[in-house]
N, C-alpha and C. Protein backbone atom coordinates (compact mmCIF):
# COMPACT_ATOMS: atom_id res chain seq x y z
N MET A 1 -17.41 0.85 -23.77
CA MET A 1 -16.08 0.43 -23.38
C MET A 1 -15.96 -1.08 -23.58
N ASP A 2 -14.93 -1.53 -24.28
CA ASP A 2 -14.78 -2.97 -24.46
C ASP A 2 -13.94 -3.57 -23.34
N GLY A 3 -13.83 -4.88 -23.32
CA GLY A 3 -13.14 -5.58 -22.23
C GLY A 3 -11.67 -5.27 -22.16
N GLY A 4 -11.07 -4.68 -23.21
CA GLY A 4 -9.65 -4.38 -23.20
C GLY A 4 -9.31 -3.04 -22.55
N ASP A 5 -10.31 -2.23 -22.29
CA ASP A 5 -10.07 -0.93 -21.68
C ASP A 5 -9.80 -1.08 -20.19
N ARG A 6 -8.74 -0.42 -19.72
CA ARG A 6 -8.41 -0.45 -18.30
C ARG A 6 -8.04 0.95 -17.85
N ALA A 7 -8.34 1.22 -16.61
CA ALA A 7 -7.93 2.50 -16.03
C ALA A 7 -6.42 2.47 -15.83
N ILE A 8 -5.80 3.60 -16.05
CA ILE A 8 -4.36 3.71 -15.82
C ILE A 8 -4.14 4.10 -14.38
N VAL A 9 -3.35 3.29 -13.69
CA VAL A 9 -3.06 3.55 -12.28
C VAL A 9 -1.69 4.20 -12.21
N ARG A 10 -1.63 5.30 -11.49
CA ARG A 10 -0.35 6.00 -11.31
C ARG A 10 -0.01 6.03 -9.83
N LEU A 11 1.05 5.34 -9.49
CA LEU A 11 1.55 5.36 -8.13
C LEU A 11 2.74 6.30 -8.06
N SER A 12 2.83 7.05 -6.98
CA SER A 12 4.04 7.85 -6.78
C SER A 12 5.16 6.87 -6.43
N PRO A 13 6.41 7.29 -6.58
CA PRO A 13 7.51 6.42 -6.16
C PRO A 13 7.39 5.99 -4.70
N ALA A 14 6.96 6.90 -3.83
CA ALA A 14 6.82 6.56 -2.40
C ALA A 14 5.71 5.54 -2.18
N GLN A 15 4.60 5.70 -2.89
CA GLN A 15 3.50 4.74 -2.77
C GLN A 15 3.93 3.36 -3.24
N ARG A 16 4.57 3.32 -4.38
CA ARG A 16 5.00 2.03 -4.94
C ARG A 16 6.00 1.34 -4.01
N LYS A 17 6.97 2.09 -3.52
CA LYS A 17 7.98 1.52 -2.64
C LYS A 17 7.34 0.94 -1.38
N TRP A 18 6.38 1.68 -0.80
CA TRP A 18 5.70 1.22 0.41
C TRP A 18 4.89 -0.04 0.14
N LEU A 19 4.10 -0.01 -0.93
CA LEU A 19 3.26 -1.16 -1.26
C LEU A 19 4.10 -2.40 -1.60
N GLU A 20 5.18 -2.22 -2.32
CA GLU A 20 6.03 -3.36 -2.69
C GLU A 20 6.60 -4.08 -1.48
N ARG A 21 6.83 -3.36 -0.41
CA ARG A 21 7.37 -4.00 0.80
C ARG A 21 6.37 -4.99 1.40
N GLY A 22 5.09 -4.81 1.13
CA GLY A 22 4.08 -5.75 1.61
C GLY A 22 4.09 -7.08 0.88
N LEU A 23 4.68 -7.11 -0.31
CA LEU A 23 4.71 -8.35 -1.10
C LEU A 23 5.50 -9.47 -0.43
N THR A 24 6.46 -9.12 0.39
CA THR A 24 7.32 -10.14 1.01
C THR A 24 7.00 -10.39 2.47
N GLN A 25 5.95 -9.75 2.97
CA GLN A 25 5.62 -9.88 4.39
C GLN A 25 4.42 -10.81 4.59
N PRO A 26 4.40 -11.52 5.71
CA PRO A 26 3.24 -12.37 6.01
C PRO A 26 1.95 -11.55 5.98
N ALA A 27 0.95 -12.08 5.29
CA ALA A 27 -0.37 -11.45 5.15
C ALA A 27 -0.30 -10.08 4.49
N GLY A 28 0.83 -9.73 3.87
CA GLY A 28 0.95 -8.45 3.18
C GLY A 28 1.10 -7.26 4.09
N LYS A 29 1.59 -7.49 5.32
CA LYS A 29 1.75 -6.39 6.29
C LYS A 29 2.64 -5.30 5.70
N LEU A 30 2.16 -4.07 5.82
CA LEU A 30 2.92 -2.92 5.33
C LEU A 30 3.66 -2.26 6.49
N PRO A 31 4.87 -1.79 6.22
CA PRO A 31 5.70 -1.25 7.30
C PRO A 31 5.23 0.11 7.81
N LEU A 32 5.54 0.36 9.06
CA LEU A 32 5.28 1.67 9.65
C LEU A 32 6.44 2.63 9.37
N PHE A 33 7.62 2.05 9.09
CA PHE A 33 8.84 2.84 8.89
C PHE A 33 9.47 2.50 7.55
N ASP A 34 10.14 3.48 6.94
CA ASP A 34 10.84 3.23 5.69
C ASP A 34 12.18 2.55 5.97
N LEU A 35 12.92 2.29 4.93
CA LEU A 35 14.19 1.57 5.08
C LEU A 35 15.25 2.37 5.82
N GLU A 36 15.05 3.67 5.95
CA GLU A 36 15.99 4.53 6.69
C GLU A 36 15.53 4.73 8.13
N GLY A 37 14.42 4.09 8.52
CA GLY A 37 13.94 4.19 9.89
C GLY A 37 13.01 5.35 10.18
N ARG A 38 12.60 6.06 9.14
CA ARG A 38 11.65 7.17 9.31
C ARG A 38 10.22 6.65 9.16
N LYS A 39 9.30 7.26 9.90
CA LYS A 39 7.89 6.89 9.80
C LYS A 39 7.41 7.14 8.37
N VAL A 40 6.67 6.19 7.82
CA VAL A 40 6.12 6.35 6.48
C VAL A 40 5.17 7.55 6.50
N ASN A 41 5.25 8.36 5.47
CA ASN A 41 4.43 9.57 5.37
C ASN A 41 2.95 9.19 5.46
N PRO A 42 2.22 9.77 6.40
CA PRO A 42 0.79 9.45 6.54
C PRO A 42 -0.03 9.74 5.29
N GLN A 43 0.41 10.69 4.46
CA GLN A 43 -0.30 10.99 3.20
C GLN A 43 -0.18 9.83 2.22
N VAL A 44 0.98 9.16 2.23
CA VAL A 44 1.17 7.98 1.38
C VAL A 44 0.21 6.88 1.84
N VAL A 45 0.16 6.65 3.13
CA VAL A 45 -0.73 5.62 3.68
C VAL A 45 -2.18 5.95 3.35
N LYS A 46 -2.61 7.18 3.59
CA LYS A 46 -4.00 7.58 3.36
C LYS A 46 -4.38 7.41 1.90
N LYS A 47 -3.54 7.85 0.98
CA LYS A 47 -3.84 7.74 -0.45
C LYS A 47 -3.98 6.27 -0.86
N CYS A 48 -3.08 5.42 -0.37
CA CYS A 48 -3.13 4.00 -0.71
C CYS A 48 -4.40 3.35 -0.15
N VAL A 49 -4.79 3.72 1.05
CA VAL A 49 -6.03 3.19 1.64
C VAL A 49 -7.23 3.72 0.85
N ASP A 50 -7.24 5.01 0.55
CA ASP A 50 -8.35 5.61 -0.20
C ASP A 50 -8.53 4.95 -1.56
N GLU A 51 -7.43 4.56 -2.20
CA GLU A 51 -7.49 3.94 -3.52
C GLU A 51 -7.80 2.44 -3.46
N GLY A 52 -7.78 1.87 -2.25
CA GLY A 52 -8.07 0.44 -2.11
C GLY A 52 -6.86 -0.46 -2.29
N TRP A 53 -5.66 0.13 -2.37
CA TRP A 53 -4.44 -0.65 -2.55
C TRP A 53 -3.95 -1.23 -1.23
N ALA A 54 -4.35 -0.62 -0.13
CA ALA A 54 -4.02 -1.07 1.22
C ALA A 54 -5.27 -0.92 2.06
N GLU A 55 -5.29 -1.65 3.18
CA GLU A 55 -6.43 -1.52 4.09
C GLU A 55 -5.95 -1.58 5.52
N PRO A 56 -6.67 -0.90 6.41
CA PRO A 56 -6.31 -0.99 7.83
C PRO A 56 -6.40 -2.45 8.27
N TRP A 57 -5.44 -2.85 9.10
CA TRP A 57 -5.38 -4.24 9.53
C TRP A 57 -5.82 -4.39 10.97
N PHE A 58 -5.21 -3.63 11.86
CA PHE A 58 -5.62 -3.67 13.26
C PHE A 58 -5.19 -2.38 13.93
N ALA A 59 -5.79 -2.12 15.08
CA ALA A 59 -5.47 -0.91 15.84
C ALA A 59 -4.17 -1.13 16.61
N ASN A 60 -3.31 -0.15 16.58
CA ASN A 60 -2.06 -0.18 17.32
C ASN A 60 -2.32 0.45 18.69
N GLU A 61 -2.41 -0.38 19.71
CA GLU A 61 -2.77 0.12 21.04
C GLU A 61 -1.70 1.04 21.63
N LEU A 62 -0.43 0.81 21.28
CA LEU A 62 0.64 1.66 21.81
C LEU A 62 0.69 3.02 21.13
N LYS A 63 0.35 3.05 19.86
CA LYS A 63 0.35 4.29 19.08
C LYS A 63 -0.96 4.37 18.29
N PRO A 64 -2.04 4.77 18.93
CA PRO A 64 -3.35 4.75 18.26
C PRO A 64 -3.43 5.66 17.02
N ASP A 65 -2.54 6.63 16.91
CA ASP A 65 -2.55 7.51 15.74
C ASP A 65 -1.83 6.89 14.54
N TRP A 66 -1.17 5.74 14.73
CA TRP A 66 -0.49 5.05 13.63
C TRP A 66 -1.43 4.00 13.05
N LEU A 67 -1.55 4.00 11.74
CA LEU A 67 -2.44 3.08 11.05
C LEU A 67 -1.63 1.88 10.55
N VAL A 68 -1.91 0.71 11.12
CA VAL A 68 -1.25 -0.52 10.69
C VAL A 68 -2.07 -1.09 9.54
N CYS A 69 -1.42 -1.27 8.39
CA CYS A 69 -2.14 -1.67 7.18
C CYS A 69 -1.55 -2.93 6.56
N LYS A 70 -2.33 -3.49 5.64
CA LYS A 70 -1.84 -4.61 4.85
C LYS A 70 -2.23 -4.38 3.39
N LEU A 71 -1.50 -5.01 2.52
CA LEU A 71 -1.73 -4.92 1.09
C LEU A 71 -3.02 -5.64 0.74
N THR A 72 -3.81 -5.07 -0.15
CA THR A 72 -5.05 -5.72 -0.59
C THR A 72 -4.80 -6.48 -1.88
N ALA A 73 -5.78 -7.27 -2.27
CA ALA A 73 -5.70 -7.98 -3.56
C ALA A 73 -5.61 -6.98 -4.71
N VAL A 74 -6.32 -5.87 -4.59
CA VAL A 74 -6.25 -4.82 -5.62
C VAL A 74 -4.84 -4.24 -5.68
N GLY A 75 -4.24 -4.00 -4.52
CA GLY A 75 -2.88 -3.49 -4.48
C GLY A 75 -1.89 -4.45 -5.13
N ARG A 76 -2.05 -5.74 -4.84
CA ARG A 76 -1.19 -6.75 -5.47
C ARG A 76 -1.36 -6.76 -6.99
N ALA A 77 -2.60 -6.64 -7.44
CA ALA A 77 -2.87 -6.64 -8.88
C ALA A 77 -2.26 -5.41 -9.55
N VAL A 78 -2.35 -4.26 -8.89
CA VAL A 78 -1.78 -3.02 -9.46
C VAL A 78 -0.26 -3.18 -9.58
N LEU A 79 0.37 -3.69 -8.56
CA LEU A 79 1.83 -3.87 -8.60
C LEU A 79 2.22 -4.89 -9.68
N ALA A 80 1.45 -5.97 -9.80
CA ALA A 80 1.74 -6.98 -10.83
C ALA A 80 1.60 -6.39 -12.23
N GLU A 81 0.58 -5.55 -12.42
CA GLU A 81 0.39 -4.94 -13.73
C GLU A 81 1.52 -3.96 -14.05
N LEU A 82 1.98 -3.23 -13.06
CA LEU A 82 3.08 -2.28 -13.29
C LEU A 82 4.36 -3.00 -13.67
N ASP A 83 4.52 -4.22 -13.16
CA ASP A 83 5.73 -5.00 -13.46
C ASP A 83 5.61 -5.81 -14.74
N ALA A 84 4.40 -5.87 -15.31
CA ALA A 84 4.17 -6.67 -16.52
C ALA A 84 4.72 -5.99 -17.75
């Protein structure tokens, strides 16, 4: 494999929308709710964490089952590449 080969990253529309919201937030904080006020699908969160695009940030003491995440450097790079 030469240096020009790259893996193709495929984000679902929901994953991309969620991750993009972290670009404008302090420290890349990702929202718990979508723009319509619904809780972000936990499968979207899990997939993004599993892929390294997001990472758990801190425990939510009021809602321990909710995962508070932030965008990672890898996630930022994936979004930048998709926009290139």
